[in-house]
Protein backbone atom coordinates (compact mmCIF):
# COMPACT_ATOMS: atom_id res chain seq x y z
CA UNK A 1 127.58 173.18 -42.89
CA UNK A 2 127.22 175.86 -39.70
CA UNK A 3 128.41 179.37 -41.16
CA UNK A 4 131.79 180.12 -39.43
CA UNK A 5 132.22 176.30 -38.82
CA UNK A 6 135.69 175.63 -37.08
CA UNK A 7 136.34 171.90 -37.64
CA UNK A 8 138.82 171.89 -34.61
CA UNK A 9 136.09 173.38 -32.23
CA UNK A 10 133.27 170.41 -33.01
CA UNK A 11 135.19 167.54 -30.45
CA UNK A 12 131.94 167.02 -27.92
CA UNK A 13 133.40 166.69 -24.19
CA UNK A 14 131.64 164.00 -22.32
CA UNK A 15 133.85 164.65 -19.63
CA UNK A 16 132.24 167.84 -18.42
CA UNK A 17 128.92 169.31 -18.03
CA UNK A 18 126.98 171.49 -20.72
CA UNK A 19 124.86 174.14 -19.95
CA UNK A 20 122.72 173.39 -23.66
CA UNK A 21 122.65 169.90 -22.69
CA UNK A 22 121.72 169.90 -19.67
CA UNK A 23 118.80 172.62 -20.64
CA UNK A 24 117.99 169.83 -22.80
CA UNK A 25 117.73 166.86 -19.95
CA UNK A 26 115.61 169.28 -17.65
CA UNK A 27 113.27 169.75 -20.97
CA UNK A 28 112.88 165.86 -21.25
CA UNK A 29 115.09 165.51 -24.38
CA UNK A 30 117.82 162.79 -24.70
CA UNK A 31 120.62 164.67 -26.43
CA UNK A 32 122.78 164.49 -23.03
CA UNK A 33 125.18 162.74 -20.91
CA UNK A 34 125.87 161.06 -17.84
CA UNK A 35 127.89 164.02 -16.72
CA UNK A 36 124.89 166.10 -17.78
CA UNK A 37 122.36 164.01 -15.97
CA UNK A 38 124.82 164.14 -12.67
CA UNK A 39 125.23 168.03 -13.00
CA UNK A 40 121.19 168.20 -13.10
CA UNK A 41 120.70 166.37 -9.95
CA UNK A 42 122.93 168.63 -7.85
CA UNK A 43 121.19 171.54 -9.52
CA UNK A 44 117.52 170.42 -8.60
CA UNK A 45 119.11 169.79 -4.99
CA UNK A 46 119.69 173.01 -4.78
CA UNK A 47 117.00 174.96 -6.74
CA UNK A 48 114.56 172.13 -7.00
CA UNK A 49 112.09 174.42 -9.82
CA UNK A 50 114.77 174.10 -12.39
CA UNK A 51 112.49 171.81 -14.51
CA UNK A 52 109.76 174.08 -14.11
CA UNK A 53 111.79 177.08 -14.60
CA UNK A 54 113.25 175.54 -17.96
CA UNK A 55 109.71 174.76 -19.36
CA UNK A 56 108.62 177.88 -18.63
CA UNK A 57 111.51 179.67 -20.47
CA UNK A 58 110.66 177.67 -23.38
CA UNK A 59 107.21 178.43 -23.45
CA UNK A 60 108.36 182.36 -22.83
CA UNK A 61 110.71 182.07 -25.85
CA UNK A 62 107.89 180.54 -28.22
CA UNK A 63 105.36 183.45 -27.02
CA UNK A 64 107.45 186.36 -27.75
CA UNK A 65 108.84 185.30 -30.97
CA UNK A 66 105.04 184.93 -32.08
CA UNK A 67 104.32 188.23 -30.63
CA UNK A 68 107.14 190.27 -32.17
CA UNK A 69 105.97 188.56 -35.71
CA UNK A 70 102.23 188.99 -35.43
CA UNK A 71 101.79 191.94 -32.90
CA UNK A 72 104.98 194.25 -34.52
CA UNK A 73 105.75 192.48 -37.80
CA UNK A 74 109.23 191.36 -37.49
CA UNK A 75 110.45 188.92 -39.52
CA UNK A 76 114.05 189.12 -38.84
CA UNK A 77 115.24 187.17 -35.69
CA UNK A 78 118.87 186.82 -34.28
CA UNK A 79 119.11 184.29 -31.33
CA UNK A 80 121.97 184.41 -29.15
CA UNK A 81 122.99 181.18 -27.77
CA UNK A 82 120.28 179.22 -29.09
CA UNK A 83 120.78 175.70 -27.57
CA UNK A 84 119.85 172.44 -28.99
CA UNK A 85 116.83 172.21 -31.49
CA UNK A 86 113.70 171.12 -29.80
CA UNK A 87 109.93 171.28 -30.78
CA UNK A 88 108.56 174.84 -31.77
CA UNK A 89 112.05 176.62 -32.48
CA UNK A 90 112.38 180.01 -33.00
CA UNK A 91 112.15 179.68 -36.83
CA UNK A 92 109.53 177.95 -36.64
CA UNK A 93 107.46 180.24 -34.61
CA UNK A 94 108.32 182.69 -36.92
CA UNK A 95 107.69 180.92 -39.86
CA UNK A 96 104.19 180.22 -39.17
CA UNK A 97 103.64 183.56 -38.35
CA UNK A 98 105.33 185.15 -41.16
CA UNK A 99 106.11 183.10 -44.02
CA UNK A 100 109.80 183.59 -45.21
CA UNK A 101 111.02 185.00 -41.76
CA UNK A 102 114.62 184.61 -41.46
CA UNK A 103 116.31 183.21 -38.33
CA UNK A 104 119.83 183.31 -37.65
CA UNK A 105 120.92 181.08 -34.48
CA UNK A 106 124.43 181.79 -32.59
CA UNK A 107 125.71 179.09 -30.59
CA UNK A 108 129.45 177.44 -30.35
CA UNK A 109 128.65 173.77 -28.46
CA UNK A 110 129.51 171.58 -30.60
CA UNK A 111 126.37 169.30 -29.92
CA UNK A 112 124.07 172.56 -30.95
CA UNK A 113 126.28 172.92 -34.21
CA UNK A 114 125.92 169.18 -35.28
CA UNK A 115 122.04 168.91 -34.67
CA UNK A 116 121.68 172.55 -36.57
CA UNK A 117 123.20 171.22 -39.31
CA UNK A 118 121.26 168.29 -39.66
CA UNK A 119 118.00 169.86 -38.65
CA UNK A 120 118.26 173.29 -40.54
CA UNK A 121 120.29 172.79 -43.87
CA UNK A 122 117.27 172.58 -45.89
CA UNK A 123 115.78 176.00 -44.69
CA UNK A 124 117.12 178.71 -47.09
CA UNK A 125 115.56 181.15 -44.36
CA UNK A 126 117.60 179.94 -41.47
CA UNK A 127 121.28 180.43 -40.73
CA UNK A 128 123.44 179.15 -38.42
CA UNK A 129 126.69 180.31 -37.00
CA UNK A 130 129.42 178.84 -35.13
CA UNK A 131 130.14 181.79 -33.20
CA UNK A 132 131.07 182.88 -29.45
CA UNK A 133 127.40 185.23 -28.88
CA UNK A 134 129.82 187.77 -27.66
CA UNK A 135 131.72 188.58 -31.01
CA UNK A 136 128.71 191.10 -32.27
CA UNK A 137 130.83 192.44 -35.13
CA UNK A 138 131.47 189.15 -36.46
CA UNK A 139 128.09 188.05 -36.02
CA UNK A 140 127.13 191.38 -38.00
CA UNK A 141 129.41 190.96 -40.65
CA UNK A 142 128.58 187.42 -41.17
CA UNK A 143 124.87 187.95 -41.39
CA UNK A 144 125.25 191.37 -43.45
CA UNK A 145 123.79 189.19 -46.76
CA UNK A 146 121.51 187.21 -44.30
CA UNK A 147 120.15 190.07 -42.93
CA UNK A 148 118.67 193.46 -44.60
CA UNK A 149 120.15 195.54 -41.89
CA UNK A 150 118.02 198.56 -43.29
CA UNK A 151 114.88 196.99 -41.90
CA UNK A 152 114.09 195.59 -37.86
CA UNK A 153 115.30 192.50 -36.40
CA UNK A 154 114.66 191.11 -33.14
CA UNK A 155 117.71 190.42 -31.17
CA UNK A 156 117.05 187.28 -28.38
CA UNK A 157 119.36 186.77 -25.55
CA UNK A 158 116.97 183.98 -23.86
CA UNK A 159 117.96 182.44 -20.79
CA UNK A 160 121.70 182.72 -21.89
CA UNK A 161 123.23 185.59 -20.16
CA UNK A 162 123.44 183.79 -16.89
CA UNK A 163 126.15 181.64 -18.97
CA UNK A 164 128.68 185.07 -19.52
CA UNK A 165 130.89 185.73 -16.37
CA UNK A 166 131.19 189.56 -15.45
CA UNK A 167 134.03 191.01 -16.85
CA UNK A 168 135.66 194.87 -16.82
CA UNK A 169 135.75 194.76 -21.09
CA UNK A 170 133.57 194.01 -24.13
CA UNK A 171 132.70 190.51 -23.01
CA UNK A 172 130.60 191.91 -20.09
CA UNK A 173 127.09 190.91 -19.93
CA UNK A 174 125.95 194.62 -20.28
CA UNK A 175 128.49 195.35 -22.79
CA UNK A 176 127.54 192.65 -25.24
CA UNK A 177 124.22 193.83 -24.67
CA UNK A 178 124.88 198.03 -25.74
CA UNK A 179 127.32 196.59 -28.43
CA UNK A 180 124.17 194.72 -29.80
CA UNK A 181 121.67 197.75 -29.79
CA UNK A 182 124.11 200.07 -31.61
CA UNK A 183 123.99 197.60 -34.20
CA UNK A 184 120.59 196.65 -34.48
CA UNK A 185 118.76 198.82 -37.27
CA UNK A 186 116.47 201.80 -35.67
CA UNK A 187 112.96 200.15 -34.91
CA UNK A 188 114.72 197.00 -33.78
CA UNK A 189 113.86 194.38 -30.58
CA UNK A 190 115.45 193.05 -28.28
CA UNK A 191 114.26 190.13 -26.10
CA UNK A 192 116.14 189.92 -22.44
CA UNK A 193 115.88 187.50 -19.75
CA UNK A 194 117.89 185.66 -17.34
CA UNK A 195 118.16 183.73 -14.14
CA UNK A 196 117.57 185.58 -10.84
CA UNK A 197 117.02 185.07 -7.20
CA UNK A 198 116.41 186.93 -4.06
CA UNK A 199 118.10 183.95 -2.32
CA UNK A 200 122.05 184.32 -1.97
CA UNK A 201 122.09 180.87 -0.84
CA UNK A 202 120.77 179.81 -4.46
CA UNK A 203 122.58 182.20 -6.29
CA UNK A 204 126.28 181.47 -4.43
CA UNK A 205 125.24 177.44 -4.61
CA UNK A 206 124.41 177.23 -8.65
CA UNK A 207 126.70 179.48 -9.77
CA UNK A 208 129.28 177.73 -8.13
CA UNK A 209 127.98 174.09 -8.88
CA UNK A 210 127.43 175.45 -12.70
CA UNK A 211 131.24 176.83 -12.43
CA UNK A 212 132.62 173.34 -11.58
CA UNK A 213 130.36 170.98 -13.80
CA UNK A 214 130.98 173.02 -16.76
CA UNK A 215 134.62 174.03 -16.26
CA UNK A 216 133.80 177.56 -16.18
CA UNK A 217 131.90 177.92 -18.74
CA UNK A 218 129.15 179.91 -16.99
CA UNK A 219 128.23 183.09 -15.59
CA UNK A 220 126.19 183.93 -12.64
CA UNK A 221 122.58 183.80 -11.44
CA UNK A 222 122.13 187.28 -10.81
CA UNK A 223 119.58 189.93 -8.92
CA UNK A 224 116.79 191.71 -10.28
CA UNK A 225 118.20 195.09 -9.95
CA UNK A 226 121.28 194.21 -12.17
CA UNK A 227 119.12 192.48 -15.15
CA UNK A 228 117.22 195.93 -14.97
CA UNK A 229 120.45 197.22 -15.77
CA UNK A 230 120.02 195.61 -19.04
CA UNK A 231 117.51 198.07 -19.81
CA UNK A 232 118.87 201.47 -19.23
CA UNK A 233 119.30 202.49 -23.01
CA UNK A 234 116.21 200.48 -23.75
CA UNK A 235 112.66 201.25 -24.48
CA UNK A 236 111.10 198.67 -22.46
CA UNK A 237 108.06 197.51 -23.44
CA UNK A 238 104.98 197.88 -21.73
CA UNK A 239 102.50 196.27 -20.10
CA UNK A 240 103.90 194.31 -18.93
CA UNK A 241 107.55 195.51 -18.43
CA UNK A 242 110.42 193.36 -16.73
CA UNK A 243 108.58 190.46 -15.03
CA UNK A 244 108.92 186.66 -14.01
CA UNK A 245 108.61 185.41 -17.87
CA UNK A 246 105.15 183.50 -16.41
CA UNK A 247 103.58 186.69 -16.20
CA UNK A 248 105.10 187.98 -20.19
CA UNK A 249 101.72 188.29 -22.21
CA UNK A 250 100.56 184.57 -21.00
CA UNK A 251 98.40 182.47 -22.96
CA UNK A 252 96.81 181.06 -19.94
CA UNK A 253 95.83 182.34 -15.96
CA UNK A 254 99.44 181.95 -14.22
CA UNK A 255 99.76 179.91 -11.34
CA UNK A 256 98.81 181.95 -8.01
CA UNK A 257 101.88 183.24 -5.56
CA UNK A 258 101.84 180.30 -3.60
CA UNK A 259 102.10 177.77 -6.87
CA UNK A 260 105.11 179.72 -7.89
CA UNK A 261 108.87 178.52 -7.57
CA UNK A 262 110.44 180.90 -4.36
CA UNK A 263 114.08 179.65 -5.35
CA UNK A 264 114.54 181.56 -8.47
CA UNK A 265 112.69 182.81 -11.57
CA UNK A 266 113.47 183.39 -15.30
CA UNK A 267 113.27 187.45 -14.89
CA UNK A 268 113.24 189.99 -17.84
CA UNK A 269 111.42 191.51 -21.21
CA UNK A 270 111.19 192.97 -24.17
CA UNK A 271 112.71 196.28 -25.11
CA UNK A 272 112.60 198.55 -28.09
CA UNK A 273 115.72 199.58 -29.46
CA UNK A 274 115.49 203.68 -29.43
CA UNK A 275 118.20 206.02 -30.82
């Protein structure tokens, strides 16, 4: 059973799209419904590179977890908005590099939690939290006995912040990033990236479509400068700094400019928590 599970929260609504199930469809998965597929077709009409971006993001997630485990010696990972299990999940990548690495997945999508209970219940080094990723104190308290909070932790916000709306309180994406950074032990890392676009039509079109399709469970496609501000209190890893994640320590030469998406990109990087 997922930690913090609330039985009444696990009704899967098949009448509205879910960002997690849409992402699953874009990656070629089967854990989605007609409403998700219809929303994805609308998304592709506005941003034709959406499937390519989803695969790029997934590849980046694998690379960055391997980098942190191998190059930085991180053995604890806190994955915010984990999404549906697929191939090479965070715990699989981390535990290949560092046997015994511990991973806490945070999500409150009922289908994500159902799959997590089935796939991960036999792995004592994996914890699944049924929790809104903005509930920083609750997440900290629930993982108190799972993580060693005196040792570095990698907090992952990979392609999830665009699901959060801007607010004037502690639920604002920038406030959430700041709150998590305050909780993390010295020497910890944060991985932050989200969908950005220089095209106002794409930003507004995708944001509007997703807000309607998910019944408001969506935030906003942002601009580069907005995402850069998430890193204001953090020590950005150089090279490569903040980039299209295609260019973040690629395993093979990234595509030339004329073969890259022009509608939007997944943009961000890795930063160290400083005190």
